[in-house]
């Protein structure tokens, strides 16, 4: 039995992943280095509206993901 594949879009590029794959799996299919940056916390995955999503979010056909730099807050910001 083969897994059903779904097409999702990462930074405008279509990739095919097994149905139910996590957002991070889709990023990995698009670019392994970028997936490593997400895992390390230097990049965030956002949905099509630009809202951050969890890397474990299950993908469905037509999901749109974008990667952005994780600017976070610096230690100086948190002291104020």
PDB file of N, CA and C in Angstrom:
ATOM      1  N   UNK A   1       0.851  -1.183   0.000  1.00  0.00           N
ATOM      2  CA  UNK A   1       0.000   0.000   0.000  1.00  0.00           C
ATOM      3  C   UNK A   1       0.894   1.242   0.000  1.00  0.00           C
ATOM      4  N   UNK A   2       0.608   2.163  -0.882  1.00  0.00           N
ATOM      5  CA  UNK A   2       1.410   3.374  -0.965  1.00  0.00           C
ATOM      6  C   UNK A   2       0.711   4.509  -0.236  1.00  0.00           C
ATOM      7  N   UNK A   3       1.510   5.389   0.289  1.00  0.00           N
ATOM      8  CA  UNK A   3       0.965   6.565   0.970  1.00  0.00           C
ATOM      9  C   UNK A   3       0.500   7.576  -0.060  1.00  0.00           C
ATOM     10  N   UNK A   4      -0.596   8.227   0.230  1.00  0.00           N
ATOM     11  CA  UNK A   4      -1.089   9.290  -0.641  1.00  0.00           C
ATOM     12  C   UNK A   4      -0.179  10.504  -0.461  1.00  0.00           C
ATOM     13  N   UNK A   5       0.240  11.069  -1.558  1.00  0.00           N
ATOM     14  CA  UNK A   5       1.093  12.250  -1.531  1.00  0.00           C
ATOM     15  C   UNK A   5       0.224  13.488  -1.709  1.00  0.00           C
ATOM     16  N   UNK A   6       0.626  14.573  -1.048  1.00  0.00           N
ATOM     17  CA  UNK A   6      -0.058  15.852  -1.196  1.00  0.00           C
ATOM     18  C   UNK A   6       0.965  16.907  -1.601  1.00  0.00           C
ATOM     19  N   UNK A   7       0.503  17.863  -2.367  1.00  0.00           N
ATOM     20  CA  UNK A   7       1.366  18.962  -2.805  1.00  0.00           C
ATOM     21  C   UNK A   7       1.202  20.115  -1.830  1.00  0.00           C
ATOM     22  N   UNK A   8       2.329  20.582  -1.273  1.00  0.00           N
ATOM     23  CA  UNK A   8       2.338  21.766  -0.423  1.00  0.00           C
ATOM     24  C   UNK A   8       3.369  22.729  -0.998  1.00  0.00           C
ATOM     25  N   UNK A   9       3.317  23.960  -0.552  1.00  0.00           N
ATOM     26  CA  UNK A   9       4.200  24.981  -1.101  1.00  0.00           C
ATOM     27  C   UNK A   9       5.038  25.592   0.006  1.00  0.00           C
ATOM     28  N   UNK A  10       6.343  25.604  -0.215  1.00  0.00           N
ATOM     29  CA  UNK A  10       7.277  26.184   0.749  1.00  0.00           C
ATOM     30  C   UNK A  10       8.033  27.289   0.028  1.00  0.00           C
ATOM     31  N   UNK A  11       7.878  28.504   0.514  1.00  0.00           N
ATOM     32  CA  UNK A  11       8.509  29.679  -0.114  1.00  0.00           C
ATOM     33  C   UNK A  11       8.259  29.704  -1.625  1.00  0.00           C
ATOM     34  N   UNK A  12       7.032  29.355  -2.020  1.00  0.00           N
ATOM     35  CA  UNK A  12       6.642  29.444  -3.415  1.00  0.00           C
ATOM     36  C   UNK A  12       6.975  28.230  -4.269  1.00  0.00           C
ATOM     37  N   UNK A  13       7.696  27.253  -3.708  1.00  0.00           N
ATOM     38  CA  UNK A  13       8.040  26.050  -4.467  1.00  0.00           C
ATOM     39  C   UNK A  13       7.166  24.887  -4.034  1.00  0.00           C
ATOM     40  N   UNK A  14       6.615  24.170  -4.999  1.00  0.00           N
ATOM     41  CA  UNK A  14       5.793  23.017  -4.690  1.00  0.00           C
ATOM     42  C   UNK A  14       6.644  21.803  -4.342  1.00  0.00           C
ATOM     43  N   UNK A  15       6.267  21.102  -3.294  1.00  0.00           N
ATOM     44  CA  UNK A  15       6.909  19.845  -2.912  1.00  0.00           C
ATOM     45  C   UNK A  15       5.810  18.829  -2.604  1.00  0.00           C
ATOM     46  N   UNK A  16       6.099  17.576  -2.848  1.00  0.00           N
ATOM     47  CA  UNK A  16       5.160  16.507  -2.543  1.00  0.00           C
ATOM     48  C   UNK A  16       5.634  15.778  -1.297  1.00  0.00           C
ATOM     49  N   UNK A  17       4.729  15.628  -0.335  1.00  0.00           N
ATOM     50  CA  UNK A  17       5.017  14.919   0.911  1.00  0.00           C
ATOM     51  C   UNK A  17       3.867  13.960   1.200  1.00  0.00           C
ATOM     52  N   UNK A  18       4.127  12.902   1.977  1.00  0.00           N
ATOM     53  CA  UNK A  18       3.029  12.011   2.341  1.00  0.00           C
ATOM     54  C   UNK A  18       1.956  12.758   3.129  1.00  0.00           C
ATOM     55  N   UNK A  19       0.692  12.418   2.880  1.00  0.00           N
ATOM     56  CA  UNK A  19      -0.420  13.030   3.612  1.00  0.00           C
ATOM     57  C   UNK A  19      -0.176  12.889   5.105  1.00  0.00           C
ATOM     58  N   UNK A  20      -0.419  13.953   5.857  1.00  0.00           N
ATOM     59  CA  UNK A  20      -0.225  13.944   7.305  1.00  0.00           C
ATOM     60  C   UNK A  20       1.173  14.309   7.752  1.00  0.00           C
ATOM     61  N   UNK A  21       2.078  14.574   6.811  1.00  0.00           N
ATOM     62  CA  UNK A  21       3.433  14.988   7.181  1.00  0.00           C
ATOM     63  C   UNK A  21       3.383  16.301   7.943  1.00  0.00           C
ATOM     64  N   UNK A  22       4.383  16.515   8.776  1.00  0.00           N
ATOM     65  CA  UNK A  22       4.482  17.751   9.550  1.00  0.00           C
ATOM     66  C   UNK A  22       5.066  18.869   8.681  1.00  0.00           C
ATOM     67  N   UNK A  23       4.834  20.098   9.114  1.00  0.00           N
ATOM     68  CA  UNK A  23       5.373  21.259   8.410  1.00  0.00           C
ATOM     69  C   UNK A  23       6.887  21.141   8.242  1.00  0.00           C
ATOM     70  N   UNK A  24       7.578  20.676   9.277  1.00  0.00           N
ATOM     71  CA  UNK A  24       9.027  20.537   9.182  1.00  0.00           C
ATOM     72  C   UNK A  24       9.415  19.513   8.118  1.00  0.00           C
ATOM     73  N   UNK A  25       8.620  18.468   7.943  1.00  0.00           N
ATOM     74  CA  UNK A  25       8.881  17.489   6.880  1.00  0.00           C
ATOM     75  C   UNK A  25       8.793  18.147   5.509  1.00  0.00           C
ATOM     76  N   UNK A  26       7.822  19.030   5.340  1.00  0.00           N
ATOM     77  CA  UNK A  26       7.673  19.733   4.073  1.00  0.00           C
ATOM     78  C   UNK A  26       8.867  20.649   3.822  1.00  0.00           C
ATOM     79  N   UNK A  27       9.314  21.335   4.864  1.00  0.00           N
ATOM     80  CA  UNK A  27      10.498  22.190   4.722  1.00  0.00           C
ATOM     81  C   UNK A  27      11.715  21.330   4.370  1.00  0.00           C
ATOM     82  N   UNK A  28      11.841  20.172   5.010  1.00  0.00           N
ATOM     83  CA  UNK A  28      12.952  19.255   4.730  1.00  0.00           C
ATOM     84  C   UNK A  28      12.929  18.815   3.263  1.00  0.00           C
ATOM     85  N   UNK A  29      11.743  18.525   2.748  1.00  0.00           N
ATOM     86  CA  UNK A  29      11.622  18.118   1.348  1.00  0.00           C
ATOM     87  C   UNK A  29      12.035  19.248   0.409  1.00  0.00           C
ATOM     88  N   UNK A  30      11.825  20.484   0.849  1.00  0.00           N
ATOM     89  CA  UNK A  30      12.174  21.652   0.038  1.00  0.00           C
ATOM     90  C   UNK A  30      13.666  21.961   0.123  1.00  0.00           C
ATOM     91  N   UNK A  31      14.202  21.981   1.366  1.00  0.00           N
ATOM     92  CA  UNK A  31      15.600  22.373   1.554  1.00  0.00           C
ATOM     93  C   UNK A  31      16.072  21.872   2.920  1.00  0.00           C
ATOM     94  N   UNK A  32      16.975  20.917   2.919  1.00  0.00           N
ATOM     95  CA  UNK A  32      17.481  20.332   4.155  1.00  0.00           C
ATOM     96  C   UNK A  32      18.169  21.331   5.067  1.00  0.00           C
ATOM     97  N   UNK A  33      18.916  22.260   4.493  1.00  0.00           N
ATOM     98  CA  UNK A  33      19.597  23.263   5.323  1.00  0.00           C
ATOM     99  C   UNK A  33      18.586  24.165   6.027  1.00  0.00           C
ATOM    100  N   UNK A  34      17.536  24.544   5.321  1.00  0.00           N
ATOM    101  CA  UNK A  34      16.502  25.387   5.923  1.00  0.00           C
ATOM    102  C   UNK A  34      15.803  24.643   7.054  1.00  0.00           C
ATOM    103  N   UNK A  35      15.560  23.346   6.874  1.00  0.00           N
ATOM    104  CA  UNK A  35      14.941  22.545   7.935  1.00  0.00           C
ATOM    105  C   UNK A  35      15.837  22.514   9.165  1.00  0.00           C
ATOM    106  N   UNK A  36      17.136  22.428   8.962  1.00  0.00           N
ATOM    107  CA  UNK A  36      18.079  22.465  10.077  1.00  0.00           C
ATOM    108  C   UNK A  36      18.024  23.793  10.812  1.00  0.00           C
ATOM    109  N   UNK A  37      17.839  24.884  10.078  1.00  0.00           N
ATOM    110  CA  UNK A  37      17.733  26.204  10.701  1.00  0.00           C
ATOM    111  C   UNK A  37      16.451  26.320  11.520  1.00  0.00           C
ATOM    112  N   UNK A  38      15.363  25.720  11.029  1.00  0.00           N
ATOM    113  CA  UNK A  38      14.109  25.709  11.800  1.00  0.00           C
ATOM    114  C   UNK A  38      14.317  24.908  13.082  1.00  0.00           C
ATOM    115  N   UNK A  39      14.928  23.734  12.957  1.00  0.00           N
ATOM    116  CA  UNK A  39      15.170  22.882  14.124  1.00  0.00           C
ATOM    117  C   UNK A  39      16.075  23.576  15.138  1.00  0.00           C
ATOM    118  N   UNK A  40      17.021  24.380  14.646  1.00  0.00           N
ATOM    119  CA  UNK A  40      17.936  25.099  15.528  1.00  0.00           C
ATOM    120  C   UNK A  40      17.316  26.365  16.118  1.00  0.00           C
ATOM    121  N   UNK A  41      16.159  26.777  15.584  1.00  0.00           N
ATOM    122  CA  UNK A  41      15.485  27.956  16.110  1.00  0.00           C
ATOM    123  C   UNK A  41      15.877  29.268  15.464  1.00  0.00           C
ATOM    124  N   UNK A  42      16.678  29.229  14.402  1.00  0.00           N
ATOM    125  CA  UNK A  42      17.070  30.483  13.757  1.00  0.00           C
ATOM    126  C   UNK A  42      16.080  30.932  12.693  1.00  0.00           C
ATOM    127  N   UNK A  43      15.185  30.020  12.280  1.00  0.00           N
ATOM    128  CA  UNK A  43      14.116  30.362  11.343  1.00  0.00           C
ATOM    129  C   UNK A  43      12.795  29.845  11.890  1.00  0.00           C
ATOM    130  N   UNK A  44      11.705  30.501  11.505  1.00  0.00           N
ATOM    131  CA  UNK A  44      10.363  30.096  11.895  1.00  0.00           C
ATOM    132  C   UNK A  44       9.570  29.727  10.652  1.00  0.00           C
ATOM    133  N   UNK A  45       8.618  28.816  10.830  1.00  0.00           N
ATOM    134  CA  UNK A  45       7.686  28.481   9.767  1.00  0.00           C
ATOM    135  C   UNK A  45       6.420  29.295  10.006  1.00  0.00           C
ATOM    136  N   UNK A  46       5.925  29.931   8.944  1.00  0.00           N
ATOM    137  CA  UNK A  46       4.668  30.674   9.045  1.00  0.00           C
ATOM    138  C   UNK A  46       3.688  30.116   8.024  1.00  0.00           C
ATOM    139  N   UNK A  47       2.400  30.392   8.267  1.00  0.00           N
ATOM    140  CA  UNK A  47       1.372  29.990   7.304  1.00  0.00           C
ATOM    141  C   UNK A  47       1.271  31.048   6.212  1.00  0.00           C
ATOM    142  N   UNK A  48       0.299  30.897   5.338  1.00  0.00           N
ATOM    143  CA  UNK A  48       0.160  31.820   4.212  1.00  0.00           C
ATOM    144  C   UNK A  48      -0.138  33.253   4.635  1.00  0.00           C
ATOM    145  N   UNK A  49      -0.621  33.421   5.884  1.00  0.00           N
ATOM    146  CA  UNK A  49      -0.914  34.776   6.387  1.00  0.00           C
ATOM    147  C   UNK A  49       0.279  35.390   7.111  1.00  0.00           C
ATOM    148  N   UNK A  50       1.348  34.630   7.261  1.00  0.00           N
ATOM    149  CA  UNK A  50       2.523  35.120   7.967  1.00  0.00           C
ATOM    150  C   UNK A  50       2.486  34.867   9.457  1.00  0.00           C
ATOM    151  N   UNK A  51       1.537  34.044   9.916  1.00  0.00           N
ATOM    152  CA  UNK A  51       1.444  33.720  11.342  1.00  0.00           C
ATOM    153  C   UNK A  51       2.283  32.489  11.649  1.00  0.00           C
ATOM    154  N   UNK A  52       3.120  32.543  12.678  1.00  0.00           N
ATOM    155  CA  UNK A  52       3.955  31.382  13.011  1.00  0.00           C
ATOM    156  C   UNK A  52       3.108  30.152  13.314  1.00  0.00           C
ATOM    157  N   UNK A  53       3.586  28.991  12.837  1.00  0.00           N
ATOM    158  CA  UNK A  53       2.937  27.724  13.154  1.00  0.00           C
ATOM    159  C   UNK A  53       3.976  26.781  13.752  1.00  0.00           C
ATOM    160  N   UNK A  54       3.501  25.797  14.475  1.00  0.00           N
ATOM    161  CA  UNK A  54       4.367  24.791  15.065  1.00  0.00           C
ATOM    162  C   UNK A  54       4.918  23.894  13.958  1.00  0.00           C
ATOM    163  N   UNK A  55       6.165  23.498  14.084  1.00  0.00           N
ATOM    164  CA  UNK A  55       6.807  22.640  13.088  1.00  0.00           C
ATOM    165  C   UNK A  55       6.125  21.278  12.985  1.00  0.00           C
ATOM    166  N   UNK A  56       5.344  20.904  13.990  1.00  0.00           N
ATOM    167  CA  UNK A  56       4.651  19.608  13.982  1.00  0.00           C
ATOM    168  C   UNK A  56       3.262  19.682  13.355  1.00  0.00           C
ATOM    169  N   UNK A  57       2.848  20.851  12.891  1.00  0.00           N
ATOM    170  CA  UNK A  57       1.522  21.022  12.297  1.00  0.00           C
ATOM    171  C   UNK A  57       1.375  20.111  11.084  1.00  0.00           C
ATOM    172  N   UNK A  58       0.309  19.275  11.049  1.00  0.00           N
ATOM    173  CA  UNK A  58       0.114  18.389   9.900  1.00  0.00           C
ATOM    174  C   UNK A  58      -0.242  19.174   8.637  1.00  0.00           C
ATOM    175  N   UNK A  59       0.304  18.714   7.533  1.00  0.00           N
ATOM    176  CA  UNK A  59       0.065  19.359   6.247  1.00  0.00           C
ATOM    177  C   UNK A  59      -1.107  18.711   5.532  1.00  0.00           C
ATOM    178  N   UNK A  60      -1.815  19.523   4.760  1.00  0.00           N
ATOM    179  CA  UNK A  60      -2.870  19.038   3.878  1.00  0.00           C
ATOM    180  C   UNK A  60      -2.590  19.596   2.488  1.00  0.00           C
ATOM    181  N   UNK A  61      -3.237  19.027   1.498  1.00  0.00           N
ATOM    182  CA  UNK A  61      -3.004  19.465   0.117  1.00  0.00           C
ATOM    183  C   UNK A  61      -3.220  20.969  -0.010  1.00  0.00           C
ATOM    184  N   UNK A  62      -2.255  21.641  -0.618  1.00  0.00           N
ATOM    185  CA  UNK A  62      -2.366  23.069  -0.852  1.00  0.00           C
ATOM    186  C   UNK A  62      -1.850  23.957   0.265  1.00  0.00           C
ATOM    187  N   UNK A  63      -1.338  23.353   1.350  1.00  0.00           N
ATOM    188  CA  UNK A  63      -0.778  24.168   2.445  1.00  0.00           C
ATOM    189  C   UNK A  63       0.315  25.074   1.896  1.00  0.00           C
ATOM    190  N   UNK A  64       0.354  26.281   2.418  1.00  0.00           N
ATOM    191  CA  UNK A  64       1.364  27.262   2.003  1.00  0.00           C
ATOM    192  C   UNK A  64       2.187  27.649   3.222  1.00  0.00           C
ATOM    193  N   UNK A  65       3.488  27.448   3.115  1.00  0.00           N
ATOM    194  CA  UNK A  65       4.411  27.771   4.202  1.00  0.00           C
ATOM    195  C   UNK A  65       5.423  28.793   3.718  1.00  0.00           C
ATOM    196  N   UNK A  66       5.834  29.623   4.634  1.00  0.00           N
ATOM    197  CA  UNK A  66       6.923  30.570   4.366  1.00  0.00           C
ATOM    198  C   UNK A  66       7.881  30.501   5.540  1.00  0.00           C
ATOM    199  N   UNK A  67       9.149  30.707   5.251  1.00  0.00           N
ATOM    200  CA  UNK A  67      10.165  30.724   6.307  1.00  0.00           C
ATOM    201  C   UNK A  67      10.619  32.157   6.528  1.00  0.00           C
ATOM    202  N   UNK A  68      10.761  32.494   7.794  1.00  0.00           N
ATOM    203  CA  UNK A  68      11.252  33.831   8.147  1.00  0.00           C
ATOM    204  C   UNK A  68      12.340  33.690   9.198  1.00  0.00           C
ATOM    205  N   UNK A  69      13.162  34.705   9.323  1.00  0.00           N
ATOM    206  CA  UNK A  69      14.180  34.718  10.369  1.00  0.00           C
ATOM    207  C   UNK A  69      13.504  34.820  11.725  1.00  0.00           C
ATOM    208  N   UNK A  70      14.023  34.110  12.699  1.00  0.00           N
ATOM    209  CA  UNK A  70      13.512  34.206  14.063  1.00  0.00           C
ATOM    210  C   UNK A  70      14.261  35.338  14.750  1.00  0.00           C
ATOM    211  N   UNK A  71      13.641  36.475  14.783  1.00  0.00           N
ATOM    212  CA  UNK A  71      14.289  37.651  15.385  1.00  0.00           C
ATOM    213  C   UNK A  71      14.194  37.618  16.897  1.00  0.00           C
ATOM    214  N   UNK A  72      13.150  36.969  17.434  1.00  0.00           N
ATOM    215  CA  UNK A  72      13.013  36.824  18.884  1.00  0.00           C
ATOM    216  C   UNK A  72      13.210  38.139  19.617  1.00  0.00           C
ATOM    217  N   UNK A  73      13.403  38.042  20.905  1.00  0.00           N
ATOM    218  CA  UNK A  73      13.723  39.218  21.709  1.00  0.00           C
ATOM    219  C   UNK A  73      15.098  39.025  22.298  1.00  0.00           C
ATOM    220  N   UNK A  74      15.830  40.082  22.371  1.00  0.00           N
ATOM    221  CA  UNK A  74      17.172  40.001  22.934  1.00  0.00           C
ATOM    222  C   UNK A  74      17.074  40.098  24.452  1.00  0.00           C
ATOM    223  N   UNK A  75      18.162  39.768  25.123  1.00  0.00           N
ATOM    224  CA  UNK A  75      18.194  39.859  26.589  1.00  0.00           C
ATOM    225  C   UNK A  75      17.942  41.282  27.050  1.00  0.00           C
ATOM    226  N   UNK A  76      18.434  42.261  26.293  1.00  0.00           N
ATOM    227  CA  UNK A  76      18.227  43.661  26.662  1.00  0.00           C
ATOM    228  C   UNK A  76      16.731  44.015  26.603  1.00  0.00           C
ATOM    229  N   UNK A  77      16.021  43.486  25.603  1.00  0.00           N
ATOM    230  CA  UNK A  77      14.593  43.768  25.491  1.00  0.00           C
ATOM    231  C   UNK A  77      13.815  43.204  26.673  1.00  0.00           C
ATOM    232  N   UNK A  78      14.191  42.017  27.134  1.00  0.00           N
ATOM    233  CA  UNK A  78      13.441  41.374  28.204  1.00  0.00           C
ATOM    234  C   UNK A  78      13.694  42.001  29.564  1.00  0.00           C
ATOM    235  N   UNK A  79      14.735  42.822  29.703  1.00  0.00           N
ATOM    236  CA  UNK A  79      15.050  43.477  30.978  1.00  0.00           C
ATOM    237  C   UNK A  79      14.221  44.743  31.176  1.00  0.00           C
ATOM    238  N   UNK A  80      13.587  45.244  30.126  1.00  0.00           N
ATOM    239  CA  UNK A  80      12.837  46.498  30.239  1.00  0.00           C
ATOM    240  C   UNK A  80      11.497  46.307  30.842  1.00  0.00           C
TER     241      UNK A  80
END
